[in-house]
Amino acid sequence: MKLKVVEPLNTLFKDEVRRVGKTL
């Protein structure tokens, strides 16, 4: 695949992801 990986949420728990989504 030769691709670099970007994971913008890999420091968040599920409920934190939802709060970020709501703010977005």
PDB file of all heavy atoms in Angstrom:
ATOM      1  N   MET A   1       0.811  -1.208   0.000  1.00  0.00           N
ATOM      2  CA  MET A   1       0.000   0.000   0.000  1.00  0.00           C
ATOM      3  C   MET A   1       0.850   1.266   0.000  1.00  0.00           C
ATOM      4  O   MET A   1       0.448   2.288  -0.532  1.00  0.00           O
ATOM      5  CB  MET A   1      -0.970  -0.005   1.179  1.00  0.00           C
ATOM      6  CG  MET A   1      -2.088  -1.004   1.023  1.00  0.00           C
ATOM      7  SD  MET A   1      -3.491  -0.731   2.142  1.00  0.00           S
ATOM      8  CE  MET A   1      -4.281   0.687   1.400  1.00  0.00           C
ATOM      9  N   LYS A   2       2.029   1.217   0.629  1.00  0.00           N
ATOM     10  CA  LYS A   2       2.977   2.330   0.585  1.00  0.00           C
ATOM     11  C   LYS A   2       2.335   3.651   1.001  1.00  0.00           C
ATOM     12  O   LYS A   2       2.617   4.699   0.424  1.00  0.00           O
ATOM     13  CB  LYS A   2       3.567   2.478  -0.832  1.00  0.00           C
ATOM     14  CG  LYS A   2       4.202   1.225  -1.406  1.00  0.00           C
ATOM     15  CD  LYS A   2       5.437   0.799  -0.638  1.00  0.00           C
ATOM     16  CE  LYS A   2       6.093  -0.417  -1.289  1.00  0.00           C
ATOM     17  NZ  LYS A   2       7.196  -0.958  -0.470  1.00  0.00           N
ATOM     18  N   LEU A   3       1.467   3.618   1.982  1.00  0.00           N
ATOM     19  CA  LEU A   3       0.817   4.839   2.443  1.00  0.00           C
ATOM     20  C   LEU A   3       1.197   5.146   3.882  1.00  0.00           C
ATOM     21  O   LEU A   3       1.349   4.246   4.707  1.00  0.00           O
ATOM     22  CB  LEU A   3      -0.713   4.707   2.349  1.00  0.00           C
ATOM     23  CG  LEU A   3      -1.325   4.584   0.953  1.00  0.00           C
ATOM     24  CD1 LEU A   3      -2.831   4.395   1.069  1.00  0.00           C
ATOM     25  CD2 LEU A   3      -1.010   5.799   0.111  1.00  0.00           C
ATOM     26  N   LYS A   4       1.324   6.415   4.174  1.00  0.00           N
ATOM     27  CA  LYS A   4       1.503   6.849   5.553  1.00  0.00           C
ATOM     28  C   LYS A   4       0.122   6.926   6.211  1.00  0.00           C
ATOM     29  O   LYS A   4      -0.890   7.146   5.537  1.00  0.00           O
ATOM     30  CB  LYS A   4       2.186   8.219   5.585  1.00  0.00           C
ATOM     31  CG  LYS A   4       3.610   8.211   5.042  1.00  0.00           C
ATOM     32  CD  LYS A   4       4.199   9.599   4.941  1.00  0.00           C
ATOM     33  CE  LYS A   4       3.654  10.339   3.729  1.00  0.00           C
ATOM     34  NZ  LYS A   4       4.351  11.643   3.508  1.00  0.00           N
ATOM     35  N   VAL A   5       0.066   6.725   7.527  1.00  0.00           N
ATOM     36  CA  VAL A   5      -1.211   6.667   8.234  1.00  0.00           C
ATOM     37  C   VAL A   5      -1.438   7.936   9.037  1.00  0.00           C
ATOM     38  O   VAL A   5      -0.534   8.420   9.718  1.00  0.00           O
ATOM     39  CB  VAL A   5      -1.266   5.440   9.172  1.00  0.00           C
ATOM     40  CG1 VAL A   5      -2.559   5.430   9.977  1.00  0.00           C
ATOM     41  CG2 VAL A   5      -1.138   4.153   8.372  1.00  0.00           C
ATOM     42  N   VAL A   6      -2.660   8.459   8.963  1.00  0.00           N
ATOM     43  CA  VAL A   6      -3.041   9.589   9.806  1.00  0.00           C
ATOM     44  C   VAL A   6      -4.315   9.204  10.554  1.00  0.00           C
ATOM     45  O   VAL A   6      -5.300   8.750   9.962  1.00  0.00           O
ATOM     46  CB  VAL A   6      -3.242  10.882   8.969  1.00  0.00           C
ATOM     47  CG1 VAL A   6      -4.283  10.690   7.866  1.00  0.00           C
ATOM     48  CG2 VAL A   6      -3.611  12.045   9.869  1.00  0.00           C
ATOM     49  N   GLU A   7      -4.273   9.326  11.884  1.00  0.00           N
ATOM     50  CA  GLU A   7      -5.376   8.909  12.757  1.00  0.00           C
ATOM     51  C   GLU A   7      -5.732  10.067  13.683  1.00  0.00           C
ATOM     52  O   GLU A   7      -5.236  10.150  14.807  1.00  0.00           O
ATOM     53  CB  GLU A   7      -4.976   7.681  13.573  1.00  0.00           C
ATOM     54  CG  GLU A   7      -4.643   6.464  12.719  1.00  0.00           C
ATOM     55  CD  GLU A   7      -4.047   5.315  13.519  1.00  0.00           C
ATOM     56  OE1 GLU A   7      -3.199   5.580  14.404  1.00  0.00           O
ATOM     57  OE2 GLU A   7      -4.422   4.167  13.251  1.00  0.00           O
ATOM     58  N   PRO A   8      -6.602  10.965  13.267  1.00  0.00           N
ATOM     59  CA  PRO A   8      -6.867  12.167  14.060  1.00  0.00           C
ATOM     60  C   PRO A   8      -7.554  11.922  15.394  1.00  0.00           C
ATOM     61  O   PRO A   8      -7.568  12.806  16.248  1.00  0.00           O
ATOM     62  CB  PRO A   8      -7.749  13.017  13.141  1.00  0.00           C
ATOM     63  CG  PRO A   8      -8.155  12.171  12.024  1.00  0.00           C
ATOM     64  CD  PRO A   8      -7.293  10.964  11.982  1.00  0.00           C
ATOM     65  N   LEU A   9      -8.113  10.721  15.595  1.00  0.00           N
ATOM     66  CA  LEU A   9      -8.892  10.463  16.818  1.00  0.00           C
ATOM     67  C   LEU A   9      -8.227   9.455  17.747  1.00  0.00           C
ATOM     68  O   LEU A   9      -8.853   9.019  18.710  1.00  0.00           O
ATOM     69  CB  LEU A   9     -10.286   9.935  16.443  1.00  0.00           C
ATOM     70  CG  LEU A   9     -11.111  10.797  15.490  1.00  0.00           C
ATOM     71  CD1 LEU A   9     -12.425  10.095  15.167  1.00  0.00           C
ATOM     72  CD2 LEU A   9     -11.383  12.160  16.101  1.00  0.00           C
ATOM     73  N   ASN A  10      -6.982   9.093  17.480  1.00  0.00           N
ATOM     74  CA  ASN A  10      -6.389   7.983  18.230  1.00  0.00           C
ATOM     75  C   ASN A  10      -6.009   8.324  19.664  1.00  0.00           C
ATOM     76  O   ASN A  10      -5.427   7.505  20.364  1.00  0.00           O
ATOM     77  CB  ASN A  10      -5.196   7.385  17.485  1.00  0.00           C
ATOM     78  CG  ASN A  10      -4.017   8.332  17.382  1.00  0.00           C
ATOM     79  OD1 ASN A  10      -4.080   9.479  17.819  1.00  0.00           O
ATOM     80  ND2 ASN A  10      -2.932   7.859  16.786  1.00  0.00           N
ATOM     81  N   THR A  11      -6.354   9.530  20.123  1.00  0.00           N
ATOM     82  CA  THR A  11      -6.156   9.870  21.539  1.00  0.00           C
ATOM     83  C   THR A  11      -7.486  10.030  22.266  1.00  0.00           C
ATOM     84  O   THR A  11      -7.503  10.381  23.450  1.00  0.00           O
ATOM     85  CB  THR A  11      -5.357  11.181  21.678  1.00  0.00           C
ATOM     86  OG1 THR A  11      -6.078  12.247  21.048  1.00  0.00           O
ATOM     87  CG2 THR A  11      -3.979  11.064  21.055  1.00  0.00           C
ATOM     88  N   LEU A  12      -8.605   9.747  21.598  1.00  0.00           N
ATOM     89  CA  LEU A  12      -9.918  10.008  22.188  1.00  0.00           C
ATOM     90  C   LEU A  12     -10.682   8.730  22.515  1.00  0.00           C
ATOM     91  O   LEU A  12     -10.580   7.734  21.805  1.00  0.00           O
ATOM     92  CB  LEU A  12     -10.788  10.828  21.226  1.00  0.00           C
ATOM     93  CG  LEU A  12     -10.305  12.219  20.819  1.00  0.00           C
ATOM     94  CD1 LEU A  12     -11.373  12.896  19.957  1.00  0.00           C
ATOM     95  CD2 LEU A  12      -9.964  13.077  22.015  1.00  0.00           C
ATOM     96  N   PHE A  13     -11.470   8.791  23.599  1.00  0.00           N
ATOM     97  CA  PHE A  13     -12.444   7.754  23.898  1.00  0.00           C
ATOM     98  C   PHE A  13     -13.718   8.020  23.097  1.00  0.00           C
ATOM     99  O   PHE A  13     -13.932   9.111  22.580  1.00  0.00           O
ATOM    100  CB  PHE A  13     -12.769   7.733  25.400  1.00  0.00           C
ATOM    101  CG  PHE A  13     -11.641   7.237  26.258  1.00  0.00           C
ATOM    102  CD1 PHE A  13     -10.800   8.122  26.910  1.00  0.00           C
ATOM    103  CD2 PHE A  13     -11.426   5.883  26.419  1.00  0.00           C
ATOM    104  CE1 PHE A  13      -9.764   7.666  27.706  1.00  0.00           C
ATOM    105  CE2 PHE A  13     -10.387   5.406  27.212  1.00  0.00           C
ATOM    106  CZ  PHE A  13      -9.552   6.307  27.853  1.00  0.00           C
ATOM    107  N   LYS A  14     -14.593   7.012  23.020  1.00  0.00           N
ATOM    108  CA  LYS A  14     -15.788   7.105  22.179  1.00  0.00           C
ATOM    109  C   LYS A  14     -16.658   8.309  22.538  1.00  0.00           C
ATOM    110  O   LYS A  14     -17.126   9.031  21.658  1.00  0.00           O
ATOM    111  CB  LYS A  14     -16.606   5.814  22.287  1.00  0.00           C
ATOM    112  CG  LYS A  14     -17.916   5.823  21.531  1.00  0.00           C
ATOM    113  CD  LYS A  14     -17.726   5.759  20.027  1.00  0.00           C
ATOM    114  CE  LYS A  14     -17.401   4.348  19.601  1.00  0.00           C
ATOM    115  NZ  LYS A  14     -17.360   4.211  18.130  1.00  0.00           N
ATOM    116  N   ASP A  15     -16.917   8.534  23.824  1.00  0.00           N
ATOM    117  CA  ASP A  15     -17.774   9.655  24.204  1.00  0.00           C
ATOM    118  C   ASP A  15     -17.124  10.988  23.874  1.00  0.00           C
ATOM    119  O   ASP A  15     -17.811  11.968  23.560  1.00  0.00           O
ATOM    120  CB  ASP A  15     -18.153   9.579  25.680  1.00  0.00           C
ATOM    121  CG  ASP A  15     -16.947   9.556  26.595  1.00  0.00           C
ATOM    122  OD1 ASP A  15     -15.957   8.873  26.265  1.00  0.00           O
ATOM    123  OD2 ASP A  15     -16.975  10.217  27.647  1.00  0.00           O
ATOM    124  N   GLU A  16     -15.784  11.036  23.919  1.00  0.00           N
ATOM    125  CA  GLU A  16     -15.077  12.254  23.538  1.00  0.00           C
ATOM    126  C   GLU A  16     -15.207  12.504  22.033  1.00  0.00           C
ATOM    127  O   GLU A  16     -15.334  13.653  21.588  1.00  0.00           O
ATOM    128  CB  GLU A  16     -13.604  12.156  23.937  1.00  0.00           C
ATOM    129  CG  GLU A  16     -13.392  12.114  25.429  1.00  0.00           C
ATOM    130  CD  GLU A  16     -11.964  11.804  25.824  1.00  0.00           C
ATOM    131  OE1 GLU A  16     -11.259  11.087  25.092  1.00  0.00           O
ATOM    132  OE2 GLU A  16     -11.534  12.287  26.895  1.00  0.00           O
ATOM    133  N   VAL A  17     -15.182  11.417  21.253  1.00  0.00           N
ATOM    134  CA  VAL A  17     -15.377  11.546  19.799  1.00  0.00           C
ATOM    135  C   VAL A  17     -16.751  12.142  19.520  1.00  0.00           C
ATOM    136  O   VAL A  17     -16.896  13.028  18.672  1.00  0.00           O
ATOM    137  CB  VAL A  17     -15.235  10.177  19.101  1.00  0.00           C
ATOM    138  CG1 VAL A  17     -15.576  10.297  17.614  1.00  0.00           C
ATOM    139  CG2 VAL A  17     -13.830   9.624  19.271  1.00  0.00           C
ATOM    140  N   ARG A  18     -17.770  11.689  20.240  1.00  0.00           N
ATOM    141  CA  ARG A  18     -19.117  12.217  20.040  1.00  0.00           C
ATOM    142  C   ARG A  18     -19.180  13.704  20.393  1.00  0.00           C
ATOM    143  O   ARG A  18     -19.836  14.488  19.693  1.00  0.00           O
ATOM    144  CB  ARG A  18     -20.120  11.426  20.885  1.00  0.00           C
ATOM    145  CG  ARG A  18     -20.425  10.038  20.328  1.00  0.00           C
ATOM    146  CD  ARG A  18     -21.721   9.492  20.913  1.00  0.00           C
ATOM    147  NE  ARG A  18     -22.137   8.288  20.215  1.00  0.00           N
ATOM    148  CZ  ARG A  18     -21.893   7.055  20.644  1.00  0.00           C
ATOM    149  NH1 ARG A  18     -21.238   6.862  21.779  1.00  0.00           N
ATOM    150  NH2 ARG A  18     -22.292   6.007  19.955  1.00  0.00           N
ATOM    151  N   ARG A  19     -18.517  14.113  21.469  1.00  0.00           N
ATOM    152  CA  ARG A  19     -18.521  15.529  21.850  1.00  0.00           C
ATOM    153  C   ARG A  19     -17.826  16.370  20.791  1.00  0.00           C
ATOM    154  O   ARG A  19     -18.280  17.476  20.459  1.00  0.00           O
ATOM    155  CB  ARG A  19     -17.867  15.718  23.217  1.00  0.00           C
ATOM    156  CG  ARG A  19     -18.731  15.243  24.380  1.00  0.00           C
ATOM    157  CD  ARG A  19     -18.298  15.854  25.700  1.00  0.00           C
ATOM    158  NE  ARG A  19     -16.994  15.382  26.126  1.00  0.00           N
ATOM    159  CZ  ARG A  19     -16.794  14.310  26.875  1.00  0.00           C
ATOM    160  NH1 ARG A  19     -17.832  13.566  27.253  1.00  0.00           N
ATOM    161  NH2 ARG A  19     -15.587  13.953  27.242  1.00  0.00           N
ATOM    162  N   VAL A  20     -16.723  15.858  20.260  1.00  0.00           N
ATOM    163  CA  VAL A  20     -16.027  16.571  19.181  1.00  0.00           C
ATOM    164  C   VAL A  20     -16.937  16.679  17.960  1.00  0.00           C
ATOM    165  O   VAL A  20     -17.039  17.739  17.331  1.00  0.00           O
ATOM    166  CB  VAL A  20     -14.703  15.856  18.819  1.00  0.00           C
ATOM    167  CG1 VAL A  20     -14.133  16.389  17.503  1.00  0.00           C
ATOM    168  CG2 VAL A  20     -13.680  16.039  19.934  1.00  0.00           C
ATOM    169  N   GLY A  21     -17.628  15.587  17.630  1.00  0.00           N
ATOM    170  CA  GLY A  21     -18.541  15.596  16.500  1.00  0.00           C
ATOM    171  C   GLY A  21     -19.656  16.612  16.669  1.00  0.00           C
ATOM    172  O   GLY A  21     -20.044  17.296  15.720  1.00  0.00           O
ATOM    173  N   LYS A  22     -20.177  16.713  17.888  1.00  0.00           N
ATOM    174  CA  LYS A  22     -21.242  17.684  18.155  1.00  0.00           C
ATOM    175  C   LYS A  22     -20.723  19.101  17.971  1.00  0.00           C
ATOM    176  O   LYS A  22     -21.396  19.960  17.396  1.00  0.00           O
ATOM    177  CB  LYS A  22     -21.792  17.488  19.578  1.00  0.00           C
ATOM    178  CG  LYS A  22     -23.092  18.217  19.833  1.00  0.00           C
ATOM    179  CD  LYS A  22     -23.706  17.765  21.137  1.00  0.00           C
ATOM    180  CE  LYS A  22     -25.098  18.358  21.339  1.00  0.00           C
ATOM    181  NZ  LYS A  22     -26.075  17.894  20.357  1.00  0.00           N
ATOM    182  N   THR A  23     -19.504  19.366  18.460  1.00  0.00           N
ATOM    183  CA  THR A  23     -18.898  20.692  18.304  1.00  0.00           C
ATOM    184  C   THR A  23     -18.664  21.007  16.825  1.00  0.00           C
ATOM    185  O   THR A  23     -18.768  22.157  16.395  1.00  0.00           O
ATOM    186  CB  THR A  23     -17.568  20.771  19.079  1.00  0.00           C
ATOM    187  OG1 THR A  23     -17.808  20.454  20.459  1.00  0.00           O
ATOM    188  CG2 THR A  23     -16.968  22.162  19.013  1.00  0.00           C
ATOM    189  N   LEU A  24     -18.370  19.969  16.028  1.00  0.00           N
ATOM    190  CA  LEU A  24     -18.169  20.144  14.587  1.00  0.00           C
ATOM    191  C   LEU A  24     -19.482  20.339  13.833  1.00  0.00           C
ATOM    192  O   LEU A  24     -19.475  20.674  12.647  1.00  0.00           O
ATOM    193  CB  LEU A  24     -17.439  18.927  14.003  1.00  0.00           C
ATOM    194  CG  LEU A  24     -15.946  18.793  14.321  1.00  0.00           C
ATOM    195  CD1 LEU A  24     -15.447  17.400  13.950  1.00  0.00           C
ATOM    196  CD2 LEU A  24     -15.132  19.868  13.606  1.00  0.00           C
TER     197      LEU A  24
END
